[in-house]
PDB file of N, CA and C in Angstrom:
ATOM      1  N   UNK A   1       0.995  -1.344  -0.111  1.00  0.00           N
ATOM      2  CA  UNK A   1       0.545  -0.540   0.000  1.00  0.00           C
ATOM      3  C   UNK A   1       1.080   1.756  -0.150  1.00  0.00           C
ATOM      4  N   UNK A   2       2.063   1.055   0.952  1.00  0.00           N
ATOM      5  CA  UNK A   2       2.347   2.446   0.378  1.00  0.00           C
ATOM      6  C   UNK A   2       3.365   3.204  -0.807  1.00  0.00           C
ATOM      7  N   UNK A   3       4.457   1.574  -1.600  1.00  0.00           N
ATOM      8  CA  UNK A   3       4.184   1.507  -2.718  1.00  0.00           C
ATOM      9  C   UNK A   3       3.483   2.521  -3.476  1.00  0.00           C
ATOM     10  N   UNK A   4       2.183   2.066  -2.843  1.00  0.00           N
ATOM     11  CA  UNK A   4       1.459   2.705  -4.272  1.00  0.00           C
ATOM     12  C   UNK A   4       1.214   4.710  -4.128  1.00  0.00           C
ATOM     13  N   UNK A   5       0.855   4.905  -2.667  1.00  0.00           N
ATOM     14  CA  UNK A   5       0.730   5.653  -2.355  1.00  0.00           C
ATOM     15  C   UNK A   5       2.478   6.784  -2.544  1.00  0.00           C
ATOM     16  N   UNK A   6       2.756   6.165  -2.817  1.00  0.00           N
ATOM     17  CA  UNK A   6       4.353   6.515  -3.166  1.00  0.00           C
ATOM     18  C   UNK A   6       4.849   7.188  -4.655  1.00  0.00           C
ATOM     19  N   UNK A   7       3.919   6.268  -5.660  1.00  0.00           N
ATOM     20  CA  UNK A   7       3.774   6.610  -7.327  1.00  0.00           C
ATOM     21  C   UNK A   7       2.750   6.994  -6.895  1.00  0.00           C
ATOM     22  N   UNK A   8       1.305   7.613  -6.294  1.00  0.00           N
ATOM     23  CA  UNK A   8       0.397   8.837  -6.367  1.00  0.00           C
ATOM     24  C   UNK A   8       0.693   9.673  -6.248  1.00  0.00           C
ATOM     25  N   UNK A   9       1.915   9.925  -5.252  1.00  0.00           N
ATOM     26  CA  UNK A   9       2.579  11.235  -4.653  1.00  0.00           C
ATOM     27  C   UNK A   9       3.386  11.795  -5.376  1.00  0.00           C
ATOM     28  N   UNK A  10       4.117  10.780  -6.389  1.00  0.00           N
ATOM     29  CA  UNK A  10       4.842  10.929  -7.655  1.00  0.00           C
ATOM     30  C   UNK A  10       4.327  11.451  -8.551  1.00  0.00           C
ATOM     31  N   UNK A  11       3.245  10.986  -8.767  1.00  0.00           N
ATOM     32  CA  UNK A  11       2.946  11.083 -10.159  1.00  0.00           C
ATOM     33  C   UNK A  11       1.799  12.786  -9.895  1.00  0.00           C
ATOM     34  N   UNK A  12       0.882  12.897  -9.253  1.00  0.00           N
ATOM     35  CA  UNK A  12       0.554  13.961  -8.847  1.00  0.00           C
ATOM     36  C   UNK A  12       1.890  15.222  -8.836  1.00  0.00           C
ATOM     37  N   UNK A  13       3.043  15.022  -8.394  1.00  0.00           N
ATOM     38  CA  UNK A  13       3.989  15.569  -8.151  1.00  0.00           C
ATOM     39  C   UNK A  13       4.169  16.204  -9.824  1.00  0.00           C
ATOM     40  N   UNK A  14       4.362  15.503 -10.090  1.00  0.00           N
ATOM     41  CA  UNK A  14       4.964  15.809 -11.574  1.00  0.00           C
ATOM     42  C   UNK A  14       4.134  15.979 -12.598  1.00  0.00           C
ATOM     43  N   UNK A  15       2.575  15.501 -11.998  1.00  0.00           N
ATOM     44  CA  UNK A  15       1.656  16.667 -13.415  1.00  0.00           C
ATOM     45  C   UNK A  15       1.038  17.958 -12.761  1.00  0.00           C
ATOM     46  N   UNK A  16       1.870  18.131 -11.187  1.00  0.00           N
ATOM     47  CA  UNK A  16       1.376  19.470 -10.713  1.00  0.00           C
ATOM     48  C   UNK A  16       2.087  20.811 -10.868  1.00  0.00           C
ATOM     49  N   UNK A  17       3.950  20.744 -11.068  1.00  0.00           N
ATOM     50  CA  UNK A  17       5.172  20.809 -11.286  1.00  0.00           C
ATOM     51  C   UNK A  17       4.660  21.130 -12.847  1.00  0.00           C
ATOM     52  N   UNK A  18       5.076  20.067 -13.954  1.00  0.00           N
ATOM     53  CA  UNK A  18       3.868  20.515 -15.075  1.00  0.00           C
ATOM     54  C   UNK A  18       2.950  21.278 -15.413  1.00  0.00           C
ATOM     55  N   UNK A  19       2.157  21.309 -14.470  1.00  0.00           N
ATOM     56  CA  UNK A  19       1.326  22.025 -14.663  1.00  0.00           C
ATOM     57  C   UNK A  19       1.374  23.924 -14.704  1.00  0.00           C
ATOM     58  N   UNK A  20       1.841  23.421 -13.672  1.00  0.00           N
ATOM     59  CA  UNK A  20       2.150  24.850 -13.465  1.00  0.00           C
ATOM     60  C   UNK A  20       3.200  26.113 -13.849  1.00  0.00           C
ATOM     61  N   UNK A  21       4.018  24.496 -14.035  1.00  0.00           N
ATOM     62  CA  UNK A  21       4.961  25.560 -15.594  1.00  0.00           C
ATOM     63  C   UNK A  21       4.943  25.272 -16.650  1.00  0.00           C
ATOM     64  N   UNK A  22       4.616  24.796 -16.786  1.00  0.00           N
ATOM     65  CA  UNK A  22       4.617  24.867 -18.620  1.00  0.00           C
ATOM     66  C   UNK A  22       2.814  25.272 -19.314  1.00  0.00           C
ATOM     67  N   UNK A  23       1.737  25.439 -18.166  1.00  0.00           N
ATOM     68  CA  UNK A  23       0.051  25.702 -18.027  1.00  0.00           C
ATOM     69  C   UNK A  23      -0.348  24.803 -18.775  1.00  0.00           C
ATOM     70  N   UNK A  24      -0.245  24.315 -18.761  1.00  0.00           N
ATOM     71  CA  UNK A  24      -0.912  21.998 -18.993  1.00  0.00           C
ATOM     72  C   UNK A  24      -1.396  22.222 -17.573  1.00  0.00           C
ATOM     73  N   UNK A  25      -3.232  21.245 -17.715  1.00  0.00           N
ATOM     74  CA  UNK A  25      -3.489  20.968 -17.063  1.00  0.00           C
ATOM     75  C   UNK A  25      -3.713  19.373 -16.400  1.00  0.00           C
ATOM     76  N   UNK A  26      -2.812  18.567 -17.042  1.00  0.00           N
ATOM     77  CA  UNK A  26      -2.005  17.348 -16.351  1.00  0.00           C
ATOM     78  C   UNK A  26      -2.371  16.673 -16.746  1.00  0.00           C
ATOM     79  N   UNK A  27      -3.398  16.653 -17.552  1.00  0.00           N
ATOM     80  CA  UNK A  27      -3.989  15.776 -17.582  1.00  0.00           C
ATOM     81  C   UNK A  27      -4.019  14.582 -19.008  1.00  0.00           C
ATOM     82  N   UNK A  28      -2.710  15.852 -19.722  1.00  0.00           N
ATOM     83  CA  UNK A  28      -1.849  14.903 -20.923  1.00  0.00           C
ATOM     84  C   UNK A  28      -0.018  14.455 -19.777  1.00  0.00           C
ATOM     85  N   UNK A  29      -0.395  14.604 -18.830  1.00  0.00           N
ATOM     86  CA  UNK A  29       0.951  13.842 -17.976  1.00  0.00           C
ATOM     87  C   UNK A  29       0.031  12.396 -17.201  1.00  0.00           C
ATOM     88  N   UNK A  30      -1.387  13.096 -16.264  1.00  0.00           N
ATOM     89  CA  UNK A  30      -2.037  12.124 -15.492  1.00  0.00           C
ATOM     90  C   UNK A  30      -2.402  11.046 -16.409  1.00  0.00           C
ATOM     91  N   UNK A  31      -3.205  10.886 -17.114  1.00  0.00           N
ATOM     92  CA  UNK A  31      -3.694  10.180 -18.136  1.00  0.00           C
ATOM     93  C   UNK A  31      -2.365   9.101 -18.440  1.00  0.00           C
ATOM     94  N   UNK A  32      -1.539   9.586 -18.792  1.00  0.00           N
ATOM     95  CA  UNK A  32      -0.733   8.073 -19.651  1.00  0.00           C
ATOM     96  C   UNK A  32      -0.337   7.380 -18.045  1.00  0.00           C
ATOM     97  N   UNK A  33       0.674   7.957 -17.182  1.00  0.00           N
ATOM     98  CA  UNK A  33       0.526   7.720 -16.151  1.00  0.00           C
ATOM     99  C   UNK A  33      -0.455   6.551 -15.665  1.00  0.00           C
ATOM    100  N   UNK A  34      -1.781   7.137 -15.380  1.00  0.00           N
ATOM    101  CA  UNK A  34      -2.290   5.727 -15.056  1.00  0.00           C
ATOM    102  C   UNK A  34      -2.939   4.884 -15.590  1.00  0.00           C
ATOM    103  N   UNK A  35      -3.280   5.382 -16.687  1.00  0.00           N
ATOM    104  CA  UNK A  35      -3.104   3.855 -17.319  1.00  0.00           C
ATOM    105  C   UNK A  35      -2.254   2.965 -17.118  1.00  0.00           C
ATOM    106  N   UNK A  36      -0.727   3.478 -18.001  1.00  0.00           N
ATOM    107  CA  UNK A  36       0.362   3.081 -18.271  1.00  0.00           C
ATOM    108  C   UNK A  36       0.886   1.883 -16.891  1.00  0.00           C
ATOM    109  N   UNK A  37       1.237   3.237 -16.393  1.00  0.00           N
ATOM    110  CA  UNK A  37       2.107   3.209 -14.805  1.00  0.00           C
ATOM    111  C   UNK A  37       1.241   2.567 -13.573  1.00  0.00           C
ATOM    112  N   UNK A  38      -0.109   2.806 -13.317  1.00  0.00           N
ATOM    113  CA  UNK A  38      -1.124   2.678 -12.191  1.00  0.00           C
ATOM    114  C   UNK A  38      -2.458   1.959 -12.449  1.00  0.00           C
ATOM    115  N   UNK A  39      -2.320   1.610 -13.749  1.00  0.00           N
ATOM    116  CA  UNK A  39      -3.136   0.606 -14.705  1.00  0.00           C
ATOM    117  C   UNK A  39      -5.103   0.852 -13.943  1.00  0.00           C
ATOM    118  N   UNK A  40      -5.483   1.813 -14.122  1.00  0.00           N
ATOM    119  CA  UNK A  40      -6.098   2.401 -14.306  1.00  0.00           C
ATOM    120  C   UNK A  40      -6.844   2.184 -15.856  1.00  0.00           C
ATOM    121  N   UNK A  41      -8.416   1.880 -15.190  1.00  0.00           N
ATOM    122  CA  UNK A  41      -9.405   2.354 -17.261  1.00  0.00           C
ATOM    123  C   UNK A  41      -9.024   3.188 -17.648  1.00  0.00           C
ATOM    124  N   UNK A  42      -9.070   3.264 -18.659  1.00  0.00           N
ATOM    125  CA  UNK A  42      -9.380   4.229 -19.657  1.00  0.00           C
ATOM    126  C   UNK A  42     -10.051   5.329 -19.123  1.00  0.00           C
ATOM    127  N   UNK A  43     -11.428   5.065 -19.259  1.00  0.00           N
ATOM    128  CA  UNK A  43     -12.656   5.426 -19.442  1.00  0.00           C
ATOM    129  C   UNK A  43     -12.228   6.570 -17.355  1.00  0.00           C
ATOM    130  N   UNK A  44     -11.502   5.730 -16.737  1.00  0.00           N
ATOM    131  CA  UNK A  44     -11.267   6.388 -15.117  1.00  0.00           C
ATOM    132  C   UNK A  44     -10.738   6.725 -14.807  1.00  0.00           C
ATOM    133  N   UNK A  45      -9.650   6.379 -15.421  1.00  0.00           N
ATOM    134  CA  UNK A  45      -8.114   7.820 -15.734  1.00  0.00           C
ATOM    135  C   UNK A  45      -8.657   8.895 -16.776  1.00  0.00           C
ATOM    136  N   UNK A  46      -9.280   9.347 -16.949  1.00  0.00           N
ATOM    137  CA  UNK A  46      -9.702  10.400 -18.123  1.00  0.00           C
ATOM    138  C   UNK A  46     -11.072  11.351 -17.002  1.00  0.00           C
ATOM    139  N   UNK A  47     -11.807  10.487 -16.161  1.00  0.00           N
ATOM    140  CA  UNK A  47     -13.150  11.327 -15.306  1.00  0.00           C
ATOM    141  C   UNK A  47     -11.843  11.403 -14.119  1.00  0.00           C
ATOM    142  N   UNK A  48     -10.868  10.992 -13.487  1.00  0.00           N
ATOM    143  CA  UNK A  48     -10.171  10.587 -12.820  1.00  0.00           C
ATOM    144  C   UNK A  48      -9.216  11.761 -12.649  1.00  0.00           C
ATOM    145  N   UNK A  49      -8.663  12.602 -13.696  1.00  0.00           N
ATOM    146  CA  UNK A  49      -7.973  12.987 -14.258  1.00  0.00           C
ATOM    147  C   UNK A  49      -8.447  14.587 -14.098  1.00  0.00           C
ATOM    148  N   UNK A  50      -9.500  14.067 -14.812  1.00  0.00           N
ATOM    149  CA  UNK A  50     -10.655  15.877 -14.539  1.00  0.00           C
ATOM    150  C   UNK A  50     -10.647  16.355 -13.051  1.00  0.00           C
ATOM    151  N   UNK A  51     -11.112  15.440 -11.950  1.00  0.00           N
ATOM    152  CA  UNK A  51     -11.022  15.723 -11.043  1.00  0.00           C
ATOM    153  C   UNK A  51      -9.780  16.509 -10.039  1.00  0.00           C
ATOM    154  N   UNK A  52      -8.661  15.540 -10.754  1.00  0.00           N
ATOM    155  CA  UNK A  52      -7.076  16.036 -10.386  1.00  0.00           C
ATOM    156  C   UNK A  52      -6.478  17.365 -10.563  1.00  0.00           C
ATOM    157  N   UNK A  53      -7.664  17.998 -12.076  1.00  0.00           N
ATOM    158  CA  UNK A  53      -7.248  19.301 -12.469  1.00  0.00           C
ATOM    159  C   UNK A  53      -7.890  20.033 -11.070  1.00  0.00           C
ATOM    160  N   UNK A  54      -8.416  20.384 -11.094  1.00  0.00           N
ATOM    161  CA  UNK A  54      -9.416  20.555 -10.375  1.00  0.00           C
ATOM    162  C   UNK A  54      -8.477  21.544  -8.772  1.00  0.00           C
ATOM    163  N   UNK A  55      -7.443  21.076  -8.256  1.00  0.00           N
ATOM    164  CA  UNK A  55      -6.795  21.252  -7.232  1.00  0.00           C
ATOM    165  C   UNK A  55      -5.304  21.913  -7.492  1.00  0.00           C
ATOM    166  N   UNK A  56      -4.642  21.289  -8.973  1.00  0.00           N
ATOM    167  CA  UNK A  56      -4.498  21.982  -9.338  1.00  0.00           C
ATOM    168  C   UNK A  56      -4.580  23.229 -10.011  1.00  0.00           C
ATOM    169  N   UNK A  57      -5.581  23.537 -10.916  1.00  0.00           N
ATOM    170  CA  UNK A  57      -5.629  25.576 -11.347  1.00  0.00           C
ATOM    171  C   UNK A  57      -5.910  26.140  -9.932  1.00  0.00           C
ATOM    172  N   UNK A  58      -6.595  24.992  -9.300  1.00  0.00           N
ATOM    173  CA  UNK A  58      -6.878  26.749  -8.213  1.00  0.00           C
ATOM    174  C   UNK A  58      -5.366  26.854  -7.273  1.00  0.00           C
ATOM    175  N   UNK A  59      -4.734  26.002  -7.143  1.00  0.00           N
ATOM    176  CA  UNK A  59      -3.443  26.057  -6.946  1.00  0.00           C
ATOM    177  C   UNK A  59      -2.695  27.154  -7.289  1.00  0.00           C
ATOM    178  N   UNK A  60      -2.523  26.705  -9.146  1.00  0.00           N
ATOM    179  CA  UNK A  60      -1.348  27.782  -9.698  1.00  0.00           C
ATOM    180  C   UNK A  60      -1.956  29.013 -10.289  1.00  0.00           C
ATOM    181  N   UNK A  61      -3.963  28.878 -10.264  1.00  0.00           N
ATOM    182  CA  UNK A  61      -4.515  30.626 -10.390  1.00  0.00           C
ATOM    183  C   UNK A  61      -4.140  30.986  -9.356  1.00  0.00           C
ATOM    184  N   UNK A  62      -4.013  30.816  -8.338  1.00  0.00           N
ATOM    185  CA  UNK A  62      -3.775  31.738  -6.145  1.00  0.00           C
ATOM    186  C   UNK A  62      -2.714  31.981  -6.617  1.00  0.00           C
ATOM    187  N   UNK A  63      -1.344  31.252  -7.509  1.00  0.00           N
ATOM    188  CA  UNK A  63      -0.272  32.079  -7.963  1.00  0.00           C
ATOM    189  C   UNK A  63      -0.206  32.967  -8.747  1.00  0.00           C
ATOM    190  N   UNK A  64      -0.704  32.623 -10.071  1.00  0.00           N
ATOM    191  CA  UNK A  64      -0.530  33.718 -11.110  1.00  0.00           C
ATOM    192  C   UNK A  64      -1.589  35.314 -11.030  1.00  0.00           C
ATOM    193  N   UNK A  65      -2.628  34.291  -9.890  1.00  0.00           N
ATOM    194  CA  UNK A  65      -3.277  35.946  -9.816  1.00  0.00           C
ATOM    195  C   UNK A  65      -2.341  36.745  -8.925  1.00  0.00           C
ATOM    196  N   UNK A  66      -2.016  36.620  -8.242  1.00  0.00           N
ATOM    197  CA  UNK A  66      -1.205  36.935  -6.586  1.00  0.00           C
ATOM    198  C   UNK A  66      -0.047  37.850  -7.844  1.00  0.00           C
ATOM    199  N   UNK A  67       0.186  37.784  -9.230  1.00  0.00           N
ATOM    200  CA  UNK A  67       1.089  37.858 -10.130  1.00  0.00           C
ATOM    201  C   UNK A  67       0.417  39.136 -10.943  1.00  0.00           C
ATOM    202  N   UNK A  68      -1.204  39.460 -11.252  1.00  0.00           N
ATOM    203  CA  UNK A  68      -1.732  39.232 -12.163  1.00  0.00           C
ATOM    204  C   UNK A  68      -1.532  39.568 -13.505  1.00  0.00           C
ATOM    205  N   UNK A  69      -1.360  38.005 -13.589  1.00  0.00           N
ATOM    206  CA  UNK A  69      -0.637  37.177 -14.788  1.00  0.00           C
ATOM    207  C   UNK A  69      -2.245  36.499 -15.237  1.00  0.00           C
ATOM    208  N   UNK A  70      -3.407  36.805 -15.606  1.00  0.00           N
ATOM    209  CA  UNK A  70      -4.405  35.672 -15.286  1.00  0.00           C
ATOM    210  C   UNK A  70      -5.187  37.098 -16.739  1.00  0.00           C
ATOM    211  N   UNK A  71      -5.890  37.362 -17.244  1.00  0.00           N
ATOM    212  CA  UNK A  71      -6.733  37.491 -18.631  1.00  0.00           C
ATOM    213  C   UNK A  71      -7.927  37.216 -18.395  1.00  0.00           C
ATOM    214  N   UNK A  72      -9.027  37.652 -17.259  1.00  0.00           N
ATOM    215  CA  UNK A  72     -10.164  37.983 -16.488  1.00  0.00           C
ATOM    216  C   UNK A  72     -11.442  37.870 -17.407  1.00  0.00           C
ATOM    217  N   UNK A  73     -11.181  38.628 -18.162  1.00  0.00           N
ATOM    218  CA  UNK A  73     -12.422  38.318 -19.215  1.00  0.00           C
ATOM    219  C   UNK A  73     -11.727  37.131 -20.398  1.00  0.00           C
ATOM    220  N   UNK A  74     -10.901  36.880 -20.070  1.00  0.00           N
ATOM    221  CA  UNK A  74     -10.825  35.273 -21.042  1.00  0.00           C
ATOM    222  C   UNK A  74     -10.998  34.510 -20.592  1.00  0.00           C
ATOM    223  N   UNK A  75     -10.473  34.490 -19.163  1.00  0.00           N
ATOM    224  CA  UNK A  75     -11.659  33.111 -18.696  1.00  0.00           C
ATOM    225  C   UNK A  75     -12.995  32.796 -18.127  1.00  0.00           C
ATOM    226  N   UNK A  76     -13.178  34.584 -18.326  1.00  0.00           N
ATOM    227  CA  UNK A  76     -15.127  33.971 -18.512  1.00  0.00           C
ATOM    228  C   UNK A  76     -15.468  33.495 -19.924  1.00  0.00           C
ATOM    229  N   UNK A  77     -15.315  33.771 -20.901  1.00  0.00           N
ATOM    230  CA  UNK A  77     -15.823  33.612 -21.626  1.00  0.00           C
ATOM    231  C   UNK A  77     -15.669  32.542 -22.586  1.00  0.00           C
ATOM    232  N   UNK A  78     -13.449  32.390 -22.216  1.00  0.00           N
ATOM    233  CA  UNK A  78     -13.478  30.702 -22.783  1.00  0.00           C
ATOM    234  C   UNK A  78     -14.133  29.523 -21.573  1.00  0.00           C
ATOM    235  N   UNK A  79     -14.014  30.180 -20.260  1.00  0.00           N
ATOM    236  CA  UNK A  79     -14.227  29.267 -19.356  1.00  0.00           C
ATOM    237  C   UNK A  79     -16.015  28.745 -19.547  1.00  0.00           C
ATOM    238  N   UNK A  80     -16.487  29.909 -19.851  1.00  0.00           N
ATOM    239  CA  UNK A  80     -18.468  29.756 -20.094  1.00  0.00           C
ATOM    240  C   UNK A  80     -18.215  28.093 -21.159  1.00  0.00           C
ATOM    241  N   UNK A  81     -17.930  28.093 -22.085  1.00  0.00           N
ATOM    242  CA  UNK A  81     -17.208  27.655 -23.667  1.00  0.00           C
ATOM    243  C   UNK A  81     -16.534  26.045 -22.933  1.00  0.00           C
ATOM    244  N   UNK A  82     -16.325  26.083 -22.285  1.00  0.00           N
ATOM    245  CA  UNK A  82     -15.445  25.439 -21.168  1.00  0.00           C
ATOM    246  C   UNK A  82     -16.325  24.249 -21.046  1.00  0.00           C
ATOM    247  N   UNK A  83     -17.439  24.621 -19.448  1.00  0.00           N
ATOM    248  CA  UNK A  83     -18.033  23.946 -19.238  1.00  0.00           C
ATOM    249  C   UNK A  83     -18.463  23.444 -19.859  1.00  0.00           C
ATOM    250  N   UNK A  84     -19.508  24.037 -20.358  1.00  0.00           N
ATOM    251  CA  UNK A  84     -20.766  23.507 -21.690  1.00  0.00           C
ATOM    252  C   UNK A  84     -20.433  22.212 -22.725  1.00  0.00           C
ATOM    253  N   UNK A  85     -18.204  22.604 -23.097  1.00  0.00           N
ATOM    254  CA  UNK A  85     -17.733  21.231 -23.964  1.00  0.00           C
ATOM    255  C   UNK A  85     -17.143  20.206 -22.565  1.00  0.00           C
ATOM    256  N   UNK A  86     -16.764  20.419 -21.663  1.00  0.00           N
ATOM    257  CA  UNK A  86     -16.893  19.187 -20.298  1.00  0.00           C
ATOM    258  C   UNK A  86     -17.222  18.462 -20.884  1.00  0.00           C
ATOM    259  N   UNK A  87     -18.383  19.623 -20.115  1.00  0.00           N
ATOM    260  CA  UNK A  87     -20.058  18.311 -20.140  1.00  0.00           C
ATOM    261  C   UNK A  87     -20.207  17.199 -21.564  1.00  0.00           C
ATOM    262  N   UNK A  88     -20.495  17.992 -22.543  1.00  0.00           N
ATOM    263  CA  UNK A  88     -20.824  17.365 -23.990  1.00  0.00           C
ATOM    264  C   UNK A  88     -19.748  16.621 -23.621  1.00  0.00           C
ATOM    265  N   UNK A  89     -18.190  16.082 -23.906  1.00  0.00           N
ATOM    266  CA  UNK A  89     -17.715  15.295 -24.003  1.00  0.00           C
ATOM    267  C   UNK A  89     -17.601  14.352 -23.177  1.00  0.00           C
ATOM    268  N   UNK A  90     -17.479  14.398 -21.994  1.00  0.00           N
ATOM    269  CA  UNK A  90     -18.242  13.533 -20.849  1.00  0.00           C
ATOM    270  C   UNK A  90     -18.487  12.686 -21.450  1.00  0.00           C
ATOM    271  N   UNK A  91     -20.299  13.382 -21.892  1.00  0.00           N
ATOM    272  CA  UNK A  91     -21.626  12.473 -22.032  1.00  0.00           C
ATOM    273  C   UNK A  91     -20.640  11.414 -23.921  1.00  0.00           C
ATOM    274  N   UNK A  92     -19.665  11.963 -24.652  1.00  0.00           N
ATOM    275  CA  UNK A  92     -19.658  11.344 -25.719  1.00  0.00           C
ATOM    276  C   UNK A  92     -18.338  10.216 -25.304  1.00  0.00           C
ATOM    277  N   UNK A  93     -18.149  10.709 -23.996  1.00  0.00           N
ATOM    278  CA  UNK A  93     -16.678   9.547 -24.111  1.00  0.00           C
ATOM    279  C   UNK A  93     -17.280   8.340 -23.091  1.00  0.00           C
ATOM    280  N   UNK A  94     -18.289   8.463 -22.101  1.00  0.00           N
ATOM    281  CA  UNK A  94     -18.825   7.237 -22.206  1.00  0.00           C
ATOM    282  C   UNK A  94     -19.136   6.181 -23.490  1.00  0.00           C
ATOM    283  N   UNK A  95     -19.961   6.574 -25.060  1.00  0.00           N
ATOM    284  CA  UNK A  95     -20.252   5.834 -25.925  1.00  0.00           C
ATOM    285  C   UNK A  95     -18.891   5.443 -26.452  1.00  0.00           C
ATOM    286  N   UNK A  96     -18.060   5.887 -26.000  1.00  0.00           N
ATOM    287  CA  UNK A  96     -16.524   5.389 -26.916  1.00  0.00           C
ATOM    288  C   UNK A  96     -15.882   4.514 -26.139  1.00  0.00           C
ATOM    289  N   UNK A  97     -15.609   2.948 -26.855  1.00  0.00           N
ATOM    290  CA  UNK A  97     -14.648   1.661 -26.629  1.00  0.00           C
ATOM    291  C   UNK A  97     -13.902   2.370 -25.549  1.00  0.00           C
ATOM    292  N   UNK A  98     -12.411   2.017 -25.222  1.00  0.00           N
ATOM    293  CA  UNK A  98     -11.884   2.285 -24.464  1.00  0.00           C
ATOM    294  C   UNK A  98     -10.200   2.125 -25.394  1.00  0.00           C
ATOM    295  N   UNK A  99     -10.562   1.165 -26.249  1.00  0.00           N
ATOM    296  CA  UNK A  99      -9.400   1.037 -26.758  1.00  0.00           C
ATOM    297  C   UNK A  99      -9.380   2.661 -27.942  1.00  0.00           C
ATOM    298  N   UNK A 100     -10.626   3.320 -29.014  1.00  0.00           N
ATOM    299  CA  UNK A 100     -10.540   4.167 -29.166  1.00  0.00           C
ATOM    300  C   UNK A 100     -10.330   5.247 -28.588  1.00  0.00           C
ATOM    301  N   UNK A 101     -10.258   5.394 -27.155  1.00  0.00           N
ATOM    302  CA  UNK A 101     -10.328   6.345 -26.894  1.00  0.00           C
ATOM    303  C   UNK A 101      -9.208   6.708 -26.834  1.00  0.00           C
ATOM    304  N   UNK A 102      -8.224   5.290 -26.309  1.00  0.00           N
ATOM    305  CA  UNK A 102      -6.932   5.056 -25.990  1.00  0.00           C
ATOM    306  C   UNK A 102      -6.093   6.308 -27.564  1.00  0.00           C
ATOM    307  N   UNK A 103      -6.452   5.487 -28.403  1.00  0.00           N
ATOM    308  CA  UNK A 103      -6.139   5.907 -29.822  1.00  0.00           C
ATOM    309  C   UNK A 103      -6.213   6.731 -30.153  1.00  0.00           C
ATOM    310  N   UNK A 104      -7.145   7.901 -29.855  1.00  0.00           N
ATOM    311  CA  UNK A 104      -7.723   9.428 -29.974  1.00  0.00           C
ATOM    312  C   UNK A 104      -7.086  10.349 -29.235  1.00  0.00           C
ATOM    313  N   UNK A 105      -6.611   9.399 -28.054  1.00  0.00           N
ATOM    314  CA  UNK A 105      -6.230  10.362 -27.174  1.00  0.00           C
ATOM    315  C   UNK A 105      -4.731  10.358 -27.429  1.00  0.00           C
ATOM    316  N   UNK A 106      -3.651   9.662 -27.844  1.00  0.00           N
ATOM    317  CA  UNK A 106      -2.689   9.205 -28.814  1.00  0.00           C
ATOM    318  C   UNK A 106      -2.197  10.017 -29.732  1.00  0.00           C
ATOM    319  N   UNK A 107      -3.228   9.986 -30.328  1.00  0.00           N
ATOM    320  CA  UNK A 107      -2.747  11.278 -31.746  1.00  0.00           C
ATOM    321  C   UNK A 107      -3.775  13.052 -31.547  1.00  0.00           C
ATOM    322  N   UNK A 108      -4.369  12.771 -30.998  1.00  0.00           N
ATOM    323  CA  UNK A 108      -4.854  14.117 -29.980  1.00  0.00           C
ATOM    324  C   UNK A 108      -3.179  14.928 -29.098  1.00  0.00           C
ATOM    325  N   UNK A 109      -2.487  14.155 -28.701  1.00  0.00           N
ATOM    326  CA  UNK A 109      -0.978  13.781 -28.373  1.00  0.00           C
ATOM    327  C   UNK A 109       0.039  14.875 -28.880  1.00  0.00           C
ATOM    328  N   UNK A 110       0.041  13.449 -29.725  1.00  0.00           N
ATOM    329  CA  UNK A 110       1.026  13.708 -30.831  1.00  0.00           C
ATOM    330  C   UNK A 110       0.616  14.766 -31.784  1.00  0.00           C
ATOM    331  N   UNK A 111      -0.513  15.060 -31.929  1.00  0.00           N
ATOM    332  CA  UNK A 111      -0.729  16.236 -33.140  1.00  0.00           C
ATOM    333  C   UNK A 111      -0.151  17.497 -32.582  1.00  0.00           C
ATOM    334  N   UNK A 112      -0.833  17.552 -31.128  1.00  0.00           N
ATOM    335  CA  UNK A 112      -0.225  19.396 -30.252  1.00  0.00           C
ATOM    336  C   UNK A 112       1.614  19.149 -29.640  1.00  0.00           C
ATOM    337  N   UNK A 113       2.394  17.806 -29.608  1.00  0.00           N
ATOM    338  CA  UNK A 113       3.460  17.763 -29.401  1.00  0.00           C
ATOM    339  C   UNK A 113       4.167  17.910 -30.897  1.00  0.00           C
ATOM    340  N   UNK A 114       3.449  18.546 -32.604  1.00  0.00           N
ATOM    341  CA  UNK A 114       3.977  18.345 -33.086  1.00  0.00           C
ATOM    342  C   UNK A 114       3.757  20.229 -33.534  1.00  0.00           C
ATOM    343  N   UNK A 115       2.294  20.337 -33.549  1.00  0.00           N
ATOM    344  CA  UNK A 115       2.425  21.858 -33.140  1.00  0.00           C
ATOM    345  C   UNK A 115       2.931  22.489 -32.067  1.00  0.00           C
ATOM    346  N   UNK A 116       3.294  21.821 -31.230  1.00  0.00           N
ATOM    347  CA  UNK A 116       4.935  22.881 -30.647  1.00  0.00           C
ATOM    348  C   UNK A 116       6.063  22.867 -30.796  1.00  0.00           C
ATOM    349  N   UNK A 117       5.974  21.959 -31.833  1.00  0.00           N
ATOM    350  CA  UNK A 117       7.767  22.005 -32.207  1.00  0.00           C
ATOM    351  C   UNK A 117       7.856  22.708 -33.660  1.00  0.00           C
ATOM    352  N   UNK A 118       6.090  23.280 -34.192  1.00  0.00           N
ATOM    353  CA  UNK A 118       6.806  23.525 -34.944  1.00  0.00           C
ATOM    354  C   UNK A 118       7.079  25.171 -35.252  1.00  0.00           C
ATOM    355  N   UNK A 119       5.956  25.732 -33.869  1.00  0.00           N
ATOM    356  CA  UNK A 119       5.927  26.993 -33.451  1.00  0.00           C
ATOM    357  C   UNK A 119       7.721  27.004 -32.959  1.00  0.00           C
TER     358      UNK A 119
END
């Protein structure tokens, strides 16, 4: 049990550090860790990742807000659309088989990496 907790804490610390450093939600790190290293089912990894993002986002938001590095108008507009999109996406995910979800996530991750490298 202690080994599992150590793995979980390490994964969380790594995801949190990357979220704060790179401005990512952590899911891009957490989903592969949870499915590949912690053996969580694909759908549960996606749902768990979204739940984990909440405290990561709150912690990072506080630090950036104290520095004045948040565009609150964008938070309101993009955030509103994101909430609607998250509800739709979560409902759609329930209809997608785990193997296909894993494939789509992998293609998405590669596409984002390529776009970042090209910029």
